[in-house]
């Protein structure tokens, strides 16, 4: 373990009872800005690289010209240059405020290079024994998911330009305390549509993996049953603040837009559903997962804690406006599930809480600060994973 003194921190929030744990990346305002994590692995883990797979099918969005202004651009121009759809300012003010904030960031667009993997971020492997729950949420248990899912049998999330958004700080990836093996542990932090009771998952996110000799981080996209495709040249690491959008332009076409605020970079691309697969639209979710690697379920990374905020879904409605959903606002006809992940012995290892009143202040390596409001999710792992 070594110190990374220039790393970003988050401070000024109401501490959750599990927020302060060894090895975590989230520090209170009164704490020293010390950020420790294992050394970075110099290459992707060999067992997760698929050498026999076809090349990923994503098409990078064109880089916008220097004069391009997303706030004044037409909807067609936003779509052409790979920016997420503009929410209606009147009917979805919170979503519009988040979108405006991300669109005004001065970031450098990275033309992505994709890498096929053996990693599969799958639909929820639901257990018949529910766990947890919470205010406004129904408890649920899964062998691979933890987090929150909004489920609606009317399938509202199949509408064109349905957009799910989330923002989080990448956690420190390490093995369980006191453990030191050369077998990699994996975790995926992602936003997605479908997968809670449906066979596909349209998603994008970040993986944070670790073994005794080091840790590995990568952004990725996926439309299951295809495997994850890494965005190999879009650098991310522990402590980076990530803004993450995905949206569909049809039942078989999806897009991602990812911003690394810490590195002042962004990437955007369009990708296609696997043959015979299309969007169901029954669920939208914010998840920390232990993915499948080479067929079997991975051991979950000891990620300790992950703060999320502004977790939102927006759906264009028939009146020309935008309908908003969030973990704290499931909407008519919806059930919000709070999902606890369990290990192979059916013991809990990862879950999340909603924290709608939290206010986070992100401090980047230059010591510039950014105060963040909005519906928050706080993920933490426990039990055998810690």
Protein backbone atom coordinates (compact mmCIF):
# COMPACT_ATOMS: atom_id res chain seq x y z
CA UNK A 1 0.00 0.00 0.00
CA UNK A 2 1.21 3.49 -0.76
CA UNK A 3 -0.07 7.04 -0.45
CA UNK A 4 -1.34 9.07 -3.38
CA UNK A 5 -1.44 12.56 -1.86
CA UNK A 6 -2.75 14.34 -4.95
CA UNK A 7 -5.86 12.19 -5.23
CA UNK A 8 -9.35 13.69 -5.20
CA UNK A 9 -11.57 13.44 -2.17
CA UNK A 10 -15.22 13.95 -1.26
CA UNK A 11 -16.09 15.82 1.87
CA UNK A 12 -18.72 17.83 3.67
CA UNK A 13 -21.44 15.15 3.80
CA UNK A 14 -23.55 13.66 6.54
CA UNK A 15 -21.64 10.53 7.43
CA UNK A 16 -23.46 7.25 6.99
CA UNK A 17 -22.85 4.87 9.87
CA UNK A 18 -20.75 2.68 7.52
CA UNK A 19 -19.06 5.50 5.62
CA UNK A 20 -15.73 5.47 7.43
CA UNK A 21 -13.96 2.19 6.89
CA UNK A 22 -10.30 1.22 6.39
CA UNK A 23 -8.99 1.72 2.87
CA UNK A 24 -11.85 3.89 1.69
CA UNK A 25 -11.52 6.76 -0.76
CA UNK A 26 -14.06 9.07 0.90
CA UNK A 27 -12.74 11.44 3.51
CA UNK A 28 -14.49 13.84 5.86
CA UNK A 29 -13.67 17.53 5.82
CA UNK A 30 -11.71 17.14 9.03
CA UNK A 31 -9.59 14.23 7.75
CA UNK A 32 -6.22 14.51 6.08
CA UNK A 33 -6.37 13.98 2.27
CA UNK A 34 -4.58 10.63 2.30
CA UNK A 35 -5.58 8.11 -0.34
CA UNK A 36 -3.95 4.69 -0.28
CA UNK A 37 -4.37 1.89 -2.78
CA UNK A 38 -2.42 -1.03 -4.28
CA UNK A 39 -0.04 -0.46 -7.18
CA UNK A 40 -1.68 -0.39 -10.62
CA UNK A 41 -1.32 -3.44 -12.82
CA UNK A 42 0.53 -2.57 -16.03
CA UNK A 43 -1.81 -4.56 -18.32
CA UNK A 44 -5.35 -5.94 -18.33
CA UNK A 45 -5.68 -9.23 -16.41
CA UNK A 46 -4.89 -12.01 -18.89
CA UNK A 47 -7.86 -14.20 -17.97
CA UNK A 48 -10.27 -11.37 -18.77
CA UNK A 49 -8.94 -10.65 -22.28
CA UNK A 50 -10.74 -12.50 -25.07
CA UNK A 51 -8.28 -13.19 -27.89
CA UNK A 52 -10.69 -15.28 -29.97
CA UNK A 53 -13.69 -12.89 -29.83
CA UNK A 54 -14.90 -10.79 -32.72
CA UNK A 55 -13.99 -7.11 -32.54
CA UNK A 56 -16.47 -4.99 -30.51
CA UNK A 57 -19.13 -3.40 -32.69
CA UNK A 58 -19.31 0.08 -31.15
CA UNK A 59 -18.94 3.11 -33.44
CA UNK A 60 -17.27 6.17 -31.84
CA UNK A 61 -19.18 9.44 -32.06
CA UNK A 62 -17.47 12.16 -34.13
CA UNK A 63 -15.43 14.63 -32.11
CA UNK A 64 -17.35 17.91 -31.82
CA UNK A 65 -15.73 21.06 -33.26
CA UNK A 66 -14.12 23.45 -30.73
CA UNK A 67 -16.99 25.92 -31.12
CA UNK A 68 -19.71 23.34 -30.43
CA UNK A 69 -22.09 24.35 -27.60
CA UNK A 70 -24.38 21.53 -26.40
CA UNK A 71 -26.65 24.01 -24.62
CA UNK A 72 -27.65 25.75 -27.86
CA UNK A 73 -27.22 22.83 -30.27
CA UNK A 74 -30.19 21.19 -31.95
CA UNK A 75 -31.34 17.75 -30.85
CA UNK A 76 -30.02 16.35 -34.14
CA UNK A 77 -26.58 17.90 -33.57
CA UNK A 78 -26.44 16.53 -30.01
CA UNK A 79 -27.20 13.06 -31.33
CA UNK A 80 -24.65 13.34 -34.15
CA UNK A 81 -21.80 14.25 -31.80
CA UNK A 82 -22.69 11.66 -29.18
CA UNK A 83 -24.09 13.85 -26.42
CA UNK A 84 -26.98 12.58 -24.27
CA UNK A 85 -30.49 13.86 -25.10
CA UNK A 86 -31.56 17.16 -23.53
CA UNK A 87 -34.23 16.65 -20.81
CA UNK A 88 -37.16 19.03 -20.83
CA UNK A 89 -36.29 21.93 -18.52
CA UNK A 90 -39.90 22.48 -17.41
CA UNK A 91 -41.07 18.93 -16.72
CA UNK A 92 -37.73 17.48 -15.56
CA UNK A 93 -35.83 20.33 -13.88
CA UNK A 94 -33.51 18.12 -11.80
CA UNK A 95 -32.48 16.04 -14.80
CA UNK A 96 -32.00 19.17 -16.90
CA UNK A 97 -29.82 20.76 -14.23
CA UNK A 98 -27.60 17.66 -14.10
CA UNK A 99 -27.41 17.49 -17.89
CA UNK A 100 -26.54 21.20 -18.17
CA UNK A 101 -23.77 20.81 -15.60
CA UNK A 102 -22.18 17.91 -17.48
CA UNK A 103 -22.59 19.59 -20.87
CA UNK A 104 -20.73 22.71 -19.73
CA UNK A 105 -17.63 20.82 -18.59
CA UNK A 106 -14.52 21.64 -20.61
CA UNK A 107 -13.37 18.09 -21.38
CA UNK A 108 -11.28 16.56 -24.13
CA UNK A 109 -13.06 13.92 -26.25
CA UNK A 110 -11.15 10.65 -26.51
CA UNK A 111 -11.75 8.52 -29.62
CA UNK A 112 -12.16 5.11 -27.98
CA UNK A 113 -10.23 1.93 -28.69
CA UNK A 114 -12.22 -1.15 -27.68
CA UNK A 115 -11.06 -4.47 -26.25
CA UNK A 116 -13.11 -7.67 -26.15
CA UNK A 117 -13.25 -9.45 -22.79
CA UNK A 118 -14.42 -12.68 -21.16
CA UNK A 119 -16.35 -10.61 -18.58
CA UNK A 120 -20.15 -10.75 -18.50
CA UNK A 121 -22.24 -8.31 -16.46
CA UNK A 122 -25.40 -10.38 -16.41
CA UNK A 123 -29.09 -10.04 -15.53
CA UNK A 124 -29.84 -10.22 -11.82
CA UNK A 125 -29.54 -13.75 -10.41
CA UNK A 126 -32.45 -13.32 -8.03
CA UNK A 127 -32.88 -15.32 -4.85
CA UNK A 128 -36.18 -16.54 -3.46
CA UNK A 129 -35.16 -15.13 -0.06
CA UNK A 130 -35.53 -11.32 -0.01
CA UNK A 131 -33.14 -9.26 2.11
CA UNK A 132 -33.05 -5.69 3.34
CA UNK A 133 -35.39 -3.12 1.90
CA UNK A 134 -35.67 0.38 3.23
CA UNK A 135 -37.74 3.53 2.98
CA UNK A 136 -39.86 3.30 -0.17
CA UNK A 137 -38.07 0.18 -1.40
CA UNK A 138 -38.77 -3.55 -1.43
CA UNK A 139 -36.00 -5.86 -0.28
CA UNK A 140 -34.45 -8.20 -2.83
CA UNK A 141 -31.50 -10.59 -2.95
CA UNK A 142 -29.18 -11.54 -5.81
CA UNK A 143 -26.08 -13.63 -6.33
CA UNK A 144 -24.46 -10.99 -8.55
CA UNK A 145 -26.19 -7.57 -8.14
CA UNK A 146 -26.37 -5.03 -5.35
CA UNK A 147 -28.00 -1.60 -5.62
CA UNK A 148 -31.36 -0.21 -6.69
CA UNK A 149 -33.68 -1.17 -9.55
CA UNK A 150 -36.90 0.47 -10.69
CA UNK A 151 -39.18 -2.21 -12.17
CA UNK A 152 -42.37 -1.49 -14.12
CA UNK A 153 -44.38 -4.11 -16.01
CA UNK A 154 -45.63 -1.43 -18.42
CA UNK A 155 -42.09 -1.31 -19.85
CA UNK A 156 -41.73 2.49 -19.87
CA UNK A 157 -37.95 2.34 -20.38
CA UNK A 158 -38.27 1.04 -23.95
CA UNK A 159 -39.23 4.51 -25.22
CA UNK A 160 -36.71 6.04 -27.64
CA UNK A 161 -34.18 8.30 -25.89
CA UNK A 162 -34.82 6.84 -22.47
CA UNK A 163 -31.72 7.97 -20.57
CA UNK A 164 -30.26 6.65 -17.32
CA UNK A 165 -27.63 8.69 -15.54
CA UNK A 166 -25.39 8.27 -12.53
CA UNK A 167 -22.26 9.74 -11.05
CA UNK A 168 -19.82 8.12 -8.64
CA UNK A 169 -16.29 8.14 -7.31
CA UNK A 170 -14.29 5.06 -8.40
CA UNK A 171 -13.43 3.05 -5.28
CA UNK A 172 -10.10 1.70 -4.14
CA UNK A 173 -9.93 -1.91 -5.39
CA UNK A 174 -8.34 -4.35 -2.96
CA UNK A 175 -8.79 -7.87 -1.67
CA UNK A 176 -10.53 -8.71 1.57
CA UNK A 177 -8.57 -7.39 4.54
CA UNK A 178 -5.84 -9.83 5.52
CA UNK A 179 -6.07 -11.63 2.15
CA UNK A 180 -3.19 -11.76 -0.33
CA UNK A 181 -3.61 -14.05 -3.34
CA UNK A 182 -2.64 -13.90 -6.99
CA UNK A 183 -6.24 -14.57 -8.07
CA UNK A 184 -8.04 -11.43 -9.22
CA UNK A 185 -11.22 -10.19 -7.52
CA UNK A 186 -13.65 -8.19 -9.69
CA UNK A 187 -16.33 -5.53 -9.31
CA UNK A 188 -18.41 -3.56 -11.80
CA UNK A 189 -20.13 -0.22 -11.11
CA UNK A 190 -22.73 0.54 -13.78
CA UNK A 191 -26.03 2.03 -14.92
CA UNK A 192 -28.35 -0.01 -17.08
CA UNK A 193 -31.76 -0.76 -18.54
CA UNK A 194 -33.29 -4.27 -18.37
CA UNK A 195 -31.95 -7.29 -16.50
CA UNK A 196 -34.25 -7.40 -13.48
CA UNK A 197 -36.57 -10.17 -14.68
CA UNK A 198 -35.65 -9.69 -18.36
CA UNK A 199 -32.97 -11.56 -20.33
CA UNK A 200 -30.88 -8.67 -21.69
CA UNK A 201 -28.98 -5.79 -20.06
CA UNK A 202 -28.08 -2.54 -21.85
CA UNK A 203 -25.36 -0.95 -19.73
CA UNK A 204 -22.04 0.87 -19.30
CA UNK A 205 -19.77 1.40 -16.34
CA UNK A 206 -16.36 0.97 -14.72
CA UNK A 207 -14.63 -2.13 -13.37
CA UNK A 208 -12.39 -2.03 -10.29
CA UNK A 209 -10.40 -5.25 -9.83
CA UNK A 210 -7.63 -6.30 -7.44
CA UNK A 211 -5.20 -9.01 -6.41
CA UNK A 212 -2.34 -8.99 -3.95
CA UNK A 213 0.15 -7.58 -6.44
CA UNK A 214 -2.01 -4.71 -7.68
CA UNK A 215 -5.31 -3.31 -8.97
CA UNK A 216 -6.83 -2.65 -12.38
CA UNK A 217 -9.49 -0.15 -13.54
CA UNK A 218 -11.29 0.27 -16.87
CA UNK A 219 -14.40 1.86 -18.35
CA UNK A 220 -16.60 -0.40 -20.49
CA UNK A 221 -19.89 -0.86 -22.33
CA UNK A 222 -22.01 -3.99 -22.82
CA UNK A 223 -25.32 -5.21 -24.18
CA UNK A 224 -25.79 -8.63 -22.63
CA UNK A 225 -25.78 -11.46 -23.79
CA UNK A 226 -22.69 -9.96 -25.44
CA UNK A 227 -19.72 -9.67 -23.10
CA UNK A 228 -18.25 -6.45 -21.73
CA UNK A 229 -16.05 -4.42 -24.11
CA UNK A 230 -13.40 -2.31 -22.40
CA UNK A 231 -12.63 1.24 -23.52
CA UNK A 232 -8.92 0.57 -23.41
CA UNK A 233 -7.51 4.05 -24.00
CA UNK A 234 -9.91 5.96 -21.70
CA UNK A 235 -7.90 6.11 -18.48
CA UNK A 236 -9.71 5.78 -15.14
CA UNK A 237 -8.43 4.99 -11.67
CA UNK A 238 -9.38 5.01 -7.99
CA UNK A 239 -10.64 8.38 -6.78
CA UNK A 240 -11.74 9.62 -10.23
CA UNK A 241 -15.15 11.29 -10.42
CA UNK A 242 -17.21 9.74 -13.22
CA UNK A 243 -20.35 11.03 -14.97
CA UNK A 244 -22.10 8.23 -16.84
CA UNK A 245 -25.02 8.30 -19.31
CA UNK A 246 -26.58 5.64 -21.52
CA UNK A 247 -29.61 6.05 -23.80
CA UNK A 248 -31.33 4.16 -26.60
CA UNK A 249 -32.13 5.48 -30.07
CA UNK A 250 -34.16 2.36 -30.95
CA UNK A 251 -34.92 -1.02 -29.42
CA UNK A 252 -31.60 -2.33 -30.77
CA UNK A 253 -29.34 0.76 -30.77
CA UNK A 254 -27.74 2.18 -27.63
CA UNK A 255 -25.26 4.91 -26.74
CA UNK A 256 -22.92 5.76 -23.90
CA UNK A 257 -21.38 9.08 -22.84
CA UNK A 258 -18.78 8.89 -20.06
CA UNK A 259 -16.89 11.81 -18.49
CA UNK A 260 -13.87 11.47 -16.23
CA UNK A 261 -14.01 14.81 -14.42
CA UNK A 262 -10.66 14.24 -12.71
CA UNK A 263 -8.85 13.70 -16.03
CA UNK A 264 -10.99 16.25 -17.98
CA UNK A 265 -11.79 13.64 -20.63
CA UNK A 266 -14.92 12.19 -22.22
CA UNK A 267 -15.83 9.37 -24.60
CA UNK A 268 -18.98 8.51 -26.56
CA UNK A 269 -20.07 5.73 -28.89
CA UNK A 270 -23.10 3.89 -30.28
CA UNK A 271 -23.46 0.11 -30.10
CA UNK A 272 -25.93 -2.55 -31.17
CA UNK A 273 -27.89 -5.22 -29.33
CA UNK A 274 -26.80 -8.82 -29.96
CA UNK A 275 -28.58 -10.62 -32.77
CA UNK A 276 -32.07 -11.65 -31.67
CA UNK A 277 -32.04 -9.29 -28.68
CA UNK A 278 -33.94 -6.04 -28.17
CA UNK A 279 -34.73 -3.71 -25.31
CA UNK A 280 -37.49 -4.90 -22.99
CA UNK A 281 -37.72 -1.67 -21.00
CA UNK A 282 -39.05 -3.20 -17.78
CA UNK A 283 -36.28 -2.02 -15.43
CA UNK A 284 -33.64 0.65 -14.87
CA UNK A 285 -30.88 0.22 -12.32
CA UNK A 286 -27.72 1.44 -10.57
CA UNK A 287 -25.62 -1.56 -9.66
CA UNK A 288 -22.39 -2.81 -8.14
CA UNK A 289 -21.93 -6.33 -9.51
CA UNK A 290 -19.59 -9.26 -9.15
CA UNK A 291 -19.47 -10.23 -12.81
CA UNK A 292 -18.96 -13.54 -14.53
CA UNK A 293 -15.41 -14.08 -15.80
CA UNK A 294 -14.78 -16.94 -18.20
CA UNK A 295 -18.09 -18.53 -17.23
CA UNK A 296 -18.07 -18.54 -13.43
CA UNK A 297 -18.95 -15.79 -10.94
CA UNK A 298 -15.94 -13.79 -9.75
CA UNK A 299 -15.07 -13.05 -6.15
CA UNK A 300 -16.23 -9.53 -5.31
CA UNK A 301 -13.55 -6.85 -4.89
CA UNK A 302 -13.30 -5.36 -1.43
CA UNK A 303 -14.35 -1.91 -2.64
CA UNK A 304 -15.36 -0.70 0.87
CA UNK A 305 -17.71 2.15 -0.13
CA UNK A 306 -18.89 4.03 -3.22
CA UNK A 307 -20.87 7.30 -3.17
CA UNK A 308 -23.33 7.94 -6.02
CA UNK A 309 -25.45 11.04 -6.59
CA UNK A 310 -27.94 12.43 -9.15
CA UNK A 311 -29.12 8.92 -9.96
CA UNK A 312 -31.88 9.53 -12.49
CA UNK A 313 -33.85 8.04 -15.38
CA UNK A 314 -35.63 10.27 -17.88
CA UNK A 315 -38.28 9.09 -20.35
CA UNK A 316 -39.77 11.31 -23.09
CA UNK A 317 -43.55 11.35 -22.58
CA UNK A 318 -46.52 11.69 -24.92
CA UNK A 319 -47.06 15.34 -23.92
CA UNK A 320 -43.69 16.43 -25.26
CA UNK A 321 -42.08 16.62 -21.83
CA UNK A 322 -39.88 14.32 -19.77
CA UNK A 323 -40.86 11.93 -16.98
CA UNK A 324 -38.26 11.56 -14.22
CA UNK A 325 -37.54 8.47 -12.14
CA UNK A 326 -34.96 7.92 -9.39
CA UNK A 327 -34.25 5.41 -6.59
CA UNK A 328 -36.34 7.65 -4.34
CA UNK A 329 -39.07 8.32 -6.92
CA UNK A 330 -40.13 5.19 -8.74
CA UNK A 331 -43.24 6.64 -10.39
CA UNK A 332 -46.74 5.24 -10.93
CA UNK A 333 -46.86 1.51 -11.55
CA UNK A 334 -43.25 1.00 -10.47
CA UNK A 335 -41.65 -1.01 -7.68
CA UNK A 336 -38.26 0.11 -6.37
CA UNK A 337 -36.08 -2.78 -5.24
CA UNK A 338 -33.16 -2.45 -2.83
CA UNK A 339 -30.92 -5.36 -3.79
CA UNK A 340 -28.47 -7.11 -1.46
CA UNK A 341 -25.77 -9.22 -3.08
CA UNK A 342 -25.02 -12.55 -1.43
CA UNK A 343 -22.00 -14.84 -1.69
CA UNK A 344 -21.97 -18.52 -2.63
CA UNK A 345 -23.07 -19.38 0.92
CA UNK A 346 -26.10 -17.05 0.69
CA UNK A 347 -24.57 -14.55 3.14
CA UNK A 348 -24.81 -10.83 2.34
CA UNK A 349 -21.70 -9.12 0.92
CA UNK A 350 -22.81 -5.85 -0.76
CA UNK A 351 -25.74 -3.43 -0.64
CA UNK A 352 -26.74 0.23 -0.97
CA UNK A 353 -28.75 2.85 0.88
CA UNK A 354 -30.56 5.89 -0.47
CA UNK A 355 -29.45 9.20 1.05
CA UNK A 356 -31.54 11.96 -0.56
CA UNK A 357 -30.33 14.73 1.75
CA UNK A 358 -26.59 14.30 1.30
CA UNK A 359 -24.50 17.15 -0.03
CA UNK A 360 -21.08 16.16 -1.38
CA UNK A 361 -18.11 18.39 -2.11
CA UNK A 362 -15.67 16.91 -4.60
CA UNK A 363 -12.11 18.24 -4.47
CA UNK A 364 -9.96 17.54 -7.54
CA UNK A 365 -6.14 17.24 -7.62
CA UNK A 366 -5.80 20.99 -8.26
CA UNK A 367 -7.84 21.60 -5.07
CA UNK A 368 -10.75 23.06 -7.04
CA UNK A 369 -14.04 22.07 -5.41
CA UNK A 370 -17.48 21.20 -6.75
CA UNK A 371 -20.53 20.86 -4.49
CA UNK A 372 -23.02 18.20 -5.55
CA UNK A 373 -26.67 17.77 -4.59
CA UNK A 374 -29.24 15.16 -5.54
CA UNK A 375 -30.55 11.73 -4.69
CA UNK A 376 -27.58 9.72 -3.47
CA UNK A 377 -26.83 6.03 -3.20
CA UNK A 378 -24.21 4.76 -0.80
CA UNK A 379 -22.82 1.32 -1.62
CA UNK A 380 -20.73 -0.70 0.79
CA UNK A 381 -19.46 -4.26 1.00
CA UNK A 382 -19.30 -6.41 4.12
CA UNK A 383 -19.14 -9.99 5.31
CA UNK A 384 -16.86 -12.37 3.42
CA UNK A 385 -15.99 -9.71 0.81
CA UNK A 386 -14.35 -7.54 3.48
